[in-house]
């Protein structure tokens, strides 16, 4: 299965293409505002408003043989710990080898922003190259997840 943390996800359409090509169930999880897909294997899950409700829904279900698409680092850490494969929107893979460092970097940046309210966050805009890298990575991770399932 593929789980998509859909709030602010720029690659839902790409994920749906990969899921349907492989005949996989895909859960698009958000707290609303997402247009449901007409495809029978794509399920839109609307969770109640509240902090991390979508993340909790995904983390409680994702495990070995699943792929999770998210930019949320704490959610990614929980999914990696459960054995799922995690792909960020830009095509970066988060796994047991790098999740600790990525989580520490996220925490450091949060501390720096809290210490300096004038520090502007953000990064470079999402690009066509990011979208292409995401598609390549998702395809590779979906195939590897199939091997994980046995």
N, C-alpha and C. Protein backbone atom coordinates (compact mmCIF):
# COMPACT_ATOMS: atom_id res chain seq x y z
N UNK A 1 0.83 -1.18 0.00
CA UNK A 1 0.00 0.00 0.00
C UNK A 1 0.88 1.24 0.00
N UNK A 2 0.31 2.31 -0.49
CA UNK A 2 0.96 3.61 -0.44
C UNK A 2 0.10 4.52 0.42
N UNK A 3 0.75 5.20 1.35
CA UNK A 3 0.07 6.18 2.20
C UNK A 3 0.63 7.56 1.86
N UNK A 4 -0.26 8.51 1.59
CA UNK A 4 0.16 9.86 1.25
C UNK A 4 -0.31 10.81 2.33
N UNK A 5 0.63 11.50 2.96
CA UNK A 5 0.33 12.59 3.88
C UNK A 5 -0.01 13.77 2.97
N UNK A 6 -1.30 13.95 2.69
CA UNK A 6 -1.73 14.76 1.55
C UNK A 6 -1.77 16.25 1.78
N UNK A 7 -1.80 16.73 3.02
CA UNK A 7 -1.82 18.16 3.23
C UNK A 7 -0.52 18.75 2.68
N UNK A 8 -0.65 19.69 1.76
CA UNK A 8 0.49 20.37 1.14
C UNK A 8 1.40 19.42 0.36
N UNK A 9 0.86 18.34 -0.16
CA UNK A 9 1.65 17.39 -0.94
C UNK A 9 1.57 17.76 -2.42
N UNK A 10 2.69 18.12 -3.04
CA UNK A 10 2.66 18.54 -4.45
C UNK A 10 2.73 17.38 -5.45
N UNK A 11 2.78 16.14 -4.97
CA UNK A 11 2.99 15.01 -5.89
C UNK A 11 1.90 13.94 -5.79
N UNK A 12 0.69 14.34 -5.41
CA UNK A 12 -0.40 13.37 -5.30
C UNK A 12 -0.71 12.71 -6.65
N UNK A 13 -0.77 13.50 -7.70
CA UNK A 13 -1.09 12.94 -9.02
C UNK A 13 -0.02 11.95 -9.47
N UNK A 14 1.24 12.26 -9.22
CA UNK A 14 2.32 11.36 -9.60
C UNK A 14 2.25 10.06 -8.81
N UNK A 15 1.96 10.18 -7.52
CA UNK A 15 1.83 8.98 -6.67
C UNK A 15 0.67 8.12 -7.15
N UNK A 16 -0.42 8.75 -7.54
CA UNK A 16 -1.57 7.99 -8.03
C UNK A 16 -1.21 7.24 -9.32
N UNK A 17 -0.46 7.86 -10.20
CA UNK A 17 -0.04 7.18 -11.44
C UNK A 17 0.77 5.93 -11.14
N UNK A 18 1.71 6.04 -10.20
CA UNK A 18 2.54 4.89 -9.85
C UNK A 18 1.69 3.82 -9.17
N UNK A 19 0.83 4.22 -8.25
CA UNK A 19 -0.02 3.24 -7.54
C UNK A 19 -0.92 2.49 -8.52
N UNK A 20 -1.55 3.19 -9.44
CA UNK A 20 -2.45 2.51 -10.37
C UNK A 20 -1.68 1.62 -11.34
N UNK A 21 -0.49 2.05 -11.75
CA UNK A 21 0.32 1.22 -12.65
C UNK A 21 0.68 -0.11 -11.99
N UNK A 22 0.90 -0.08 -10.67
CA UNK A 22 1.28 -1.29 -9.94
C UNK A 22 0.07 -2.00 -9.31
N UNK A 23 -1.12 -1.44 -9.46
CA UNK A 23 -2.31 -2.06 -8.88
C UNK A 23 -2.32 -2.04 -7.36
N UNK A 24 -1.79 -0.95 -6.78
CA UNK A 24 -1.68 -0.84 -5.32
C UNK A 24 -2.79 0.05 -4.75
N UNK A 25 -3.24 -0.30 -3.54
CA UNK A 25 -4.12 0.59 -2.81
C UNK A 25 -3.32 1.81 -2.40
N UNK A 26 -3.92 2.97 -2.50
CA UNK A 26 -3.29 4.20 -2.04
C UNK A 26 -4.28 4.96 -1.18
N UNK A 27 -3.81 5.37 -0.01
CA UNK A 27 -4.63 6.14 0.92
C UNK A 27 -4.10 7.57 0.92
N UNK A 28 -4.97 8.51 0.56
CA UNK A 28 -4.64 9.93 0.53
C UNK A 28 -5.27 10.52 1.78
N UNK A 29 -4.43 10.84 2.77
CA UNK A 29 -4.92 11.20 4.10
C UNK A 29 -4.74 12.70 4.36
N UNK A 30 -5.84 13.36 4.73
CA UNK A 30 -5.77 14.79 5.04
C UNK A 30 -6.93 15.15 5.96
N UNK A 31 -6.96 16.42 6.36
CA UNK A 31 -8.09 16.87 7.18
C UNK A 31 -9.11 17.64 6.33
N UNK A 32 -9.09 17.44 5.04
CA UNK A 32 -10.10 18.01 4.16
C UNK A 32 -9.50 18.82 3.03
N UNK A 33 -10.36 19.23 2.13
CA UNK A 33 -9.93 20.08 1.03
C UNK A 33 -9.26 19.33 -0.11
N UNK A 34 -9.36 18.01 -0.13
CA UNK A 34 -8.74 17.20 -1.17
C UNK A 34 -9.85 16.63 -2.05
N UNK A 35 -9.70 16.77 -3.36
CA UNK A 35 -10.68 16.20 -4.28
C UNK A 35 -10.44 14.70 -4.37
N UNK A 36 -11.45 13.89 -4.10
CA UNK A 36 -11.28 12.43 -4.18
C UNK A 36 -10.99 11.97 -5.61
N UNK A 37 -10.22 10.92 -5.72
CA UNK A 37 -9.91 10.33 -7.01
C UNK A 37 -11.05 9.39 -7.40
N UNK A 38 -11.36 9.33 -8.68
CA UNK A 38 -12.39 8.38 -9.12
C UNK A 38 -11.86 6.95 -9.22
N UNK A 39 -10.55 6.77 -9.13
CA UNK A 39 -9.97 5.44 -9.29
C UNK A 39 -10.35 4.56 -8.09
N UNK A 40 -10.79 3.32 -8.32
CA UNK A 40 -11.25 2.47 -7.22
C UNK A 40 -10.15 2.04 -6.24
N UNK A 41 -8.89 2.12 -6.61
CA UNK A 41 -7.81 1.74 -5.68
C UNK A 41 -7.30 2.91 -4.85
N UNK A 42 -7.80 4.12 -5.12
CA UNK A 42 -7.35 5.31 -4.42
C UNK A 42 -8.44 5.73 -3.44
N UNK A 43 -8.12 5.67 -2.16
CA UNK A 43 -9.10 6.02 -1.13
C UNK A 43 -8.70 7.31 -0.45
N UNK A 44 -9.61 8.26 -0.42
CA UNK A 44 -9.38 9.52 0.28
C UNK A 44 -9.87 9.36 1.71
N UNK A 45 -8.98 9.63 2.66
CA UNK A 45 -9.31 9.51 4.07
C UNK A 45 -9.30 10.91 4.67
N UNK A 46 -10.45 11.35 5.14
CA UNK A 46 -10.55 12.66 5.79
C UNK A 46 -10.58 12.42 7.29
N UNK A 47 -9.58 12.97 7.97
CA UNK A 47 -9.47 12.82 9.42
C UNK A 47 -9.97 14.10 10.08
N UNK A 48 -10.35 14.04 11.36
CA UNK A 48 -10.78 15.26 12.05
C UNK A 48 -9.64 16.27 12.16
N UNK A 49 -10.03 17.53 12.27
CA UNK A 49 -9.03 18.58 12.51
C UNK A 49 -8.34 18.32 13.83
N UNK A 50 -7.10 18.72 13.90
CA UNK A 50 -6.34 18.56 15.13
C UNK A 50 -4.88 18.31 14.80
N UNK A 51 -4.03 18.59 15.74
CA UNK A 51 -2.60 18.43 15.48
C UNK A 51 -2.24 16.96 15.26
N UNK A 52 -1.58 16.71 14.16
CA UNK A 52 -1.01 15.40 13.83
C UNK A 52 -2.02 14.27 13.68
N UNK A 53 -3.30 14.56 13.47
CA UNK A 53 -4.30 13.50 13.36
C UNK A 53 -4.04 12.65 12.11
N UNK A 54 -3.73 13.30 10.99
CA UNK A 54 -3.42 12.54 9.77
C UNK A 54 -2.16 11.71 9.97
N UNK A 55 -1.16 12.29 10.64
CA UNK A 55 0.09 11.57 10.89
C UNK A 55 -0.16 10.33 11.74
N UNK A 56 -0.98 10.47 12.75
CA UNK A 56 -1.29 9.34 13.64
C UNK A 56 -2.00 8.25 12.85
N UNK A 57 -2.94 8.64 11.99
CA UNK A 57 -3.69 7.66 11.19
C UNK A 57 -2.72 6.85 10.34
N UNK A 58 -1.80 7.53 9.68
CA UNK A 58 -0.84 6.84 8.82
C UNK A 58 0.11 5.98 9.65
N UNK A 59 0.67 6.53 10.71
CA UNK A 59 1.66 5.82 11.53
C UNK A 59 1.08 4.55 12.15
N UNK A 60 -0.21 4.56 12.47
CA UNK A 60 -0.84 3.38 13.06
C UNK A 60 -1.02 2.24 12.05
N UNK A 61 -0.92 2.55 10.76
CA UNK A 61 -1.21 1.54 9.74
C UNK A 61 0.00 1.13 8.90
N UNK A 62 0.91 2.05 8.67
CA UNK A 62 2.04 1.77 7.77
C UNK A 62 3.04 0.81 8.42
N UNK A 63 3.55 -0.09 7.61
CA UNK A 63 4.53 -1.05 8.12
C UNK A 63 5.32 -1.66 6.98
N UNK A 64 5.93 -2.77 7.27
CA UNK A 64 6.78 -3.46 6.30
C UNK A 64 6.00 -3.73 5.01
N UNK A 65 6.62 -3.40 3.89
CA UNK A 65 5.99 -3.60 2.60
C UNK A 65 5.16 -2.43 2.13
N UNK A 66 5.05 -1.37 2.93
CA UNK A 66 4.30 -0.18 2.55
C UNK A 66 5.26 0.95 2.21
N UNK A 67 4.74 1.93 1.46
CA UNK A 67 5.49 3.14 1.13
C UNK A 67 4.68 4.32 1.65
N UNK A 68 5.37 5.24 2.34
CA UNK A 68 4.73 6.44 2.86
C UNK A 68 5.36 7.64 2.17
N UNK A 69 4.50 8.56 1.72
CA UNK A 69 4.96 9.79 1.09
C UNK A 69 4.64 10.93 2.04
N UNK A 70 5.69 11.57 2.54
CA UNK A 70 5.50 12.66 3.50
C UNK A 70 6.72 13.55 3.55
N UNK A 71 6.49 14.79 3.93
CA UNK A 71 7.57 15.71 4.22
C UNK A 71 7.68 15.93 5.72
N UNK A 72 6.83 15.26 6.48
CA UNK A 72 6.81 15.41 7.94
C UNK A 72 7.84 14.46 8.55
N UNK A 73 8.89 15.01 9.12
CA UNK A 73 10.01 14.20 9.59
C UNK A 73 9.64 13.32 10.79
N UNK A 74 8.93 13.82 11.80
CA UNK A 74 8.53 12.92 12.89
C UNK A 74 7.66 11.76 12.41
N UNK A 75 6.73 12.01 11.49
CA UNK A 75 5.93 10.93 10.92
C UNK A 75 6.84 9.95 10.19
N UNK A 76 7.77 10.47 9.41
CA UNK A 76 8.71 9.60 8.68
C UNK A 76 9.47 8.71 9.65
N UNK A 77 9.92 9.27 10.77
CA UNK A 77 10.67 8.48 11.76
C UNK A 77 9.82 7.34 12.31
N UNK A 78 8.55 7.60 12.59
CA UNK A 78 7.66 6.55 13.10
C UNK A 78 7.44 5.47 12.06
N UNK A 79 7.29 5.86 10.81
CA UNK A 79 7.06 4.89 9.74
C UNK A 79 8.30 4.06 9.46
N UNK A 80 9.47 4.69 9.48
CA UNK A 80 10.72 3.95 9.29
C UNK A 80 10.88 2.94 10.42
N UNK A 81 10.58 3.34 11.65
CA UNK A 81 10.68 2.43 12.79
C UNK A 81 9.73 1.23 12.64
N UNK A 82 8.61 1.44 11.95
CA UNK A 82 7.64 0.36 11.73
C UNK A 82 8.00 -0.51 10.53
N UNK A 83 9.06 -0.15 9.81
CA UNK A 83 9.51 -0.95 8.68
C UNK A 83 9.04 -0.48 7.32
N UNK A 84 8.31 0.65 7.27
CA UNK A 84 7.83 1.17 5.98
C UNK A 84 8.96 1.90 5.27
N UNK A 85 8.80 2.04 3.98
CA UNK A 85 9.71 2.85 3.17
C UNK A 85 9.12 4.24 3.07
N UNK A 86 9.97 5.28 3.20
CA UNK A 86 9.47 6.65 3.22
C UNK A 86 10.16 7.47 2.13
N UNK A 87 9.35 8.21 1.39
CA UNK A 87 9.84 9.08 0.33
C UNK A 87 9.31 10.49 0.57
N UNK A 88 10.22 11.46 0.57
CA UNK A 88 9.80 12.86 0.65
C UNK A 88 9.36 13.33 -0.74
N UNK A 89 8.66 14.45 -0.78
CA UNK A 89 8.11 14.97 -2.04
C UNK A 89 9.17 15.26 -3.08
N UNK A 90 10.39 15.55 -2.64
CA UNK A 90 11.47 15.87 -3.59
C UNK A 90 12.24 14.63 -4.03
N UNK A 91 11.80 13.45 -3.62
CA UNK A 91 12.45 12.21 -4.03
C UNK A 91 13.50 11.70 -3.06
N UNK A 92 13.71 12.40 -1.97
CA UNK A 92 14.67 11.93 -0.96
C UNK A 92 14.08 10.75 -0.20
N UNK A 93 14.87 9.70 -0.04
CA UNK A 93 14.45 8.54 0.73
C UNK A 93 14.88 8.74 2.18
N UNK A 94 13.97 8.48 3.10
CA UNK A 94 14.29 8.50 4.52
C UNK A 94 14.25 7.06 5.01
N UNK A 95 15.34 6.62 5.62
CA UNK A 95 15.43 5.23 6.08
C UNK A 95 16.20 5.17 7.38
N UNK A 96 16.45 3.96 7.85
CA UNK A 96 17.10 3.77 9.14
C UNK A 96 18.50 4.38 9.18
N UNK A 97 19.15 4.49 8.02
CA UNK A 97 20.50 5.04 7.98
C UNK A 97 20.55 6.55 8.14
N UNK A 98 19.49 7.25 7.71
CA UNK A 98 19.58 8.72 7.74
C UNK A 98 18.51 9.42 8.56
N UNK A 99 17.50 8.70 9.05
CA UNK A 99 16.39 9.38 9.72
C UNK A 99 16.82 10.09 11.00
N UNK A 100 17.78 9.52 11.73
CA UNK A 100 18.25 10.19 12.95
C UNK A 100 18.88 11.53 12.65
N UNK A 101 19.71 11.59 11.63
CA UNK A 101 20.37 12.83 11.26
C UNK A 101 19.35 13.86 10.74
N UNK A 102 18.41 13.40 9.94
CA UNK A 102 17.39 14.31 9.41
C UNK A 102 16.52 14.86 10.54
N UNK A 103 16.16 14.01 11.48
CA UNK A 103 15.35 14.43 12.63
C UNK A 103 16.13 15.44 13.49
N UNK A 104 17.41 15.18 13.70
CA UNK A 104 18.24 16.11 14.49
C UNK A 104 18.35 17.46 13.77
N UNK A 105 18.52 17.44 12.46
CA UNK A 105 18.61 18.68 11.70
C UNK A 105 17.31 19.46 11.77
N UNK A 106 16.18 18.76 11.72
CA UNK A 106 14.89 19.43 11.84
C UNK A 106 14.75 20.09 13.20
N UNK A 107 15.15 19.37 14.25
CA UNK A 107 15.06 19.93 15.60
C UNK A 107 15.98 21.13 15.77
N UNK A 108 17.18 21.05 15.20
CA UNK A 108 18.12 22.17 15.27
C UNK A 108 17.53 23.40 14.59
N UNK A 109 16.97 23.22 13.41
CA UNK A 109 16.39 24.36 12.69
C UNK A 109 15.20 24.96 13.46
N UNK A 110 14.41 24.12 14.10
CA UNK A 110 13.30 24.62 14.92
C UNK A 110 13.83 25.45 16.07
N UNK A 111 14.91 24.99 16.71
CA UNK A 111 15.52 25.75 17.81
C UNK A 111 16.07 27.08 17.31
N UNK A 112 16.72 27.08 16.15
CA UNK A 112 17.26 28.33 15.60
C UNK A 112 16.16 29.32 15.26
N UNK A 113 15.06 28.83 14.69
CA UNK A 113 13.94 29.72 14.38
C UNK A 113 13.32 30.28 15.65
N UNK A 114 13.24 29.46 16.70
CA UNK A 114 12.67 29.92 17.96
C UNK A 114 13.56 30.98 18.61
N UNK A 115 14.87 30.83 18.46
CA UNK A 115 15.81 31.77 19.07
C UNK A 115 15.88 33.09 18.31
N UNK A 116 15.57 33.09 17.04
CA UNK A 116 15.66 34.28 16.20
C UNK A 116 14.37 34.43 15.41
N UNK A 117 13.40 35.19 15.92
CA UNK A 117 12.10 35.29 15.26
C UNK A 117 12.18 35.95 13.87
N UNK A 118 13.31 36.58 13.56
CA UNK A 118 13.44 37.21 12.25
C UNK A 118 14.04 36.28 11.21
N UNK A 119 14.48 35.10 11.66
CA UNK A 119 15.04 34.11 10.72
C UNK A 119 13.91 33.64 9.81
N UNK A 120 14.14 33.76 8.53
CA UNK A 120 13.13 33.33 7.57
C UNK A 120 13.40 31.89 7.18
N UNK A 121 12.36 31.09 7.23
CA UNK A 121 12.48 29.69 6.84
C UNK A 121 12.33 29.54 5.35
N UNK A 122 11.92 28.37 4.97
CA UNK A 122 11.71 28.11 3.55
C UNK A 122 12.99 27.68 2.88
N UNK A 123 12.83 27.19 1.74
CA UNK A 123 13.96 26.74 0.94
C UNK A 123 13.69 27.09 -0.50
N UNK A 124 14.30 26.35 -1.35
CA UNK A 124 14.08 26.62 -2.77
C UNK A 124 12.70 26.12 -3.18
N UNK A 125 12.13 26.68 -4.22
CA UNK A 125 10.81 26.24 -4.67
C UNK A 125 10.85 24.82 -5.23
N UNK A 126 9.71 24.16 -5.18
CA UNK A 126 9.56 22.81 -5.73
C UNK A 126 9.73 22.91 -7.25
N UNK A 127 10.59 22.08 -7.81
CA UNK A 127 10.93 22.20 -9.23
C UNK A 127 10.50 20.98 -10.04
N UNK A 128 10.61 21.12 -11.34
CA UNK A 128 10.33 20.01 -12.24
C UNK A 128 11.31 18.86 -11.98
N UNK A 129 12.56 19.21 -11.66
CA UNK A 129 13.57 18.18 -11.34
C UNK A 129 13.18 17.42 -10.08
N UNK A 130 12.62 18.12 -9.07
CA UNK A 130 12.14 17.45 -7.85
C UNK A 130 11.04 16.46 -8.20
N UNK A 131 10.12 16.88 -9.05
CA UNK A 131 9.00 16.02 -9.44
C UNK A 131 9.51 14.77 -10.16
N UNK A 132 10.46 14.95 -11.05
CA UNK A 132 11.04 13.82 -11.79
C UNK A 132 11.79 12.88 -10.85
N UNK A 133 12.58 13.46 -9.94
CA UNK A 133 13.32 12.65 -8.97
C UNK A 133 12.35 11.88 -8.08
N UNK A 134 11.25 12.52 -7.69
CA UNK A 134 10.23 11.85 -6.89
C UNK A 134 9.68 10.63 -7.63
N UNK A 135 9.30 10.81 -8.88
CA UNK A 135 8.74 9.69 -9.65
C UNK A 135 9.72 8.53 -9.75
N UNK A 136 10.97 8.82 -10.05
CA UNK A 136 11.99 7.76 -10.15
C UNK A 136 12.15 7.04 -8.82
N UNK A 137 12.24 7.81 -7.75
CA UNK A 137 12.43 7.22 -6.42
C UNK A 137 11.22 6.41 -5.99
N UNK A 138 10.02 6.94 -6.21
CA UNK A 138 8.81 6.22 -5.80
C UNK A 138 8.72 4.89 -6.55
N UNK A 139 9.01 4.90 -7.82
CA UNK A 139 8.99 3.66 -8.60
C UNK A 139 9.95 2.64 -8.00
N UNK A 140 11.14 3.07 -7.69
CA UNK A 140 12.16 2.18 -7.10
C UNK A 140 11.72 1.66 -5.72
N UNK A 141 11.16 2.54 -4.90
CA UNK A 141 10.74 2.14 -3.55
C UNK A 141 9.53 1.23 -3.58
N UNK A 142 8.61 1.43 -4.52
CA UNK A 142 7.45 0.54 -4.65
C UNK A 142 7.91 -0.86 -5.02
N UNK A 143 8.86 -0.95 -5.92
CA UNK A 143 9.40 -2.27 -6.29
C UNK A 143 10.13 -2.93 -5.13
N UNK A 144 10.89 -2.15 -4.38
CA UNK A 144 11.61 -2.70 -3.22
C UNK A 144 10.62 -3.12 -2.13
N UNK A 145 9.53 -2.37 -1.96
CA UNK A 145 8.51 -2.73 -0.96
C UNK A 145 7.85 -4.06 -1.32
N UNK A 146 7.69 -4.32 -2.62
CA UNK A 146 7.13 -5.60 -3.05
C UNK A 146 8.04 -6.75 -2.62
N UNK A 147 9.34 -6.54 -2.69
CA UNK A 147 10.30 -7.54 -2.23
C UNK A 147 10.19 -7.70 -0.72
N UNK A 148 10.03 -6.57 0.00
CA UNK A 148 9.88 -6.61 1.46
C UNK A 148 8.70 -7.48 1.88
N UNK A 149 7.61 -7.38 1.09
CA UNK A 149 6.39 -8.14 1.41
C UNK A 149 6.60 -9.64 1.19
N UNK A 150 7.58 -9.95 0.34
CA UNK A 150 7.89 -11.37 0.08
C UNK A 150 7.09 -11.88 -1.02
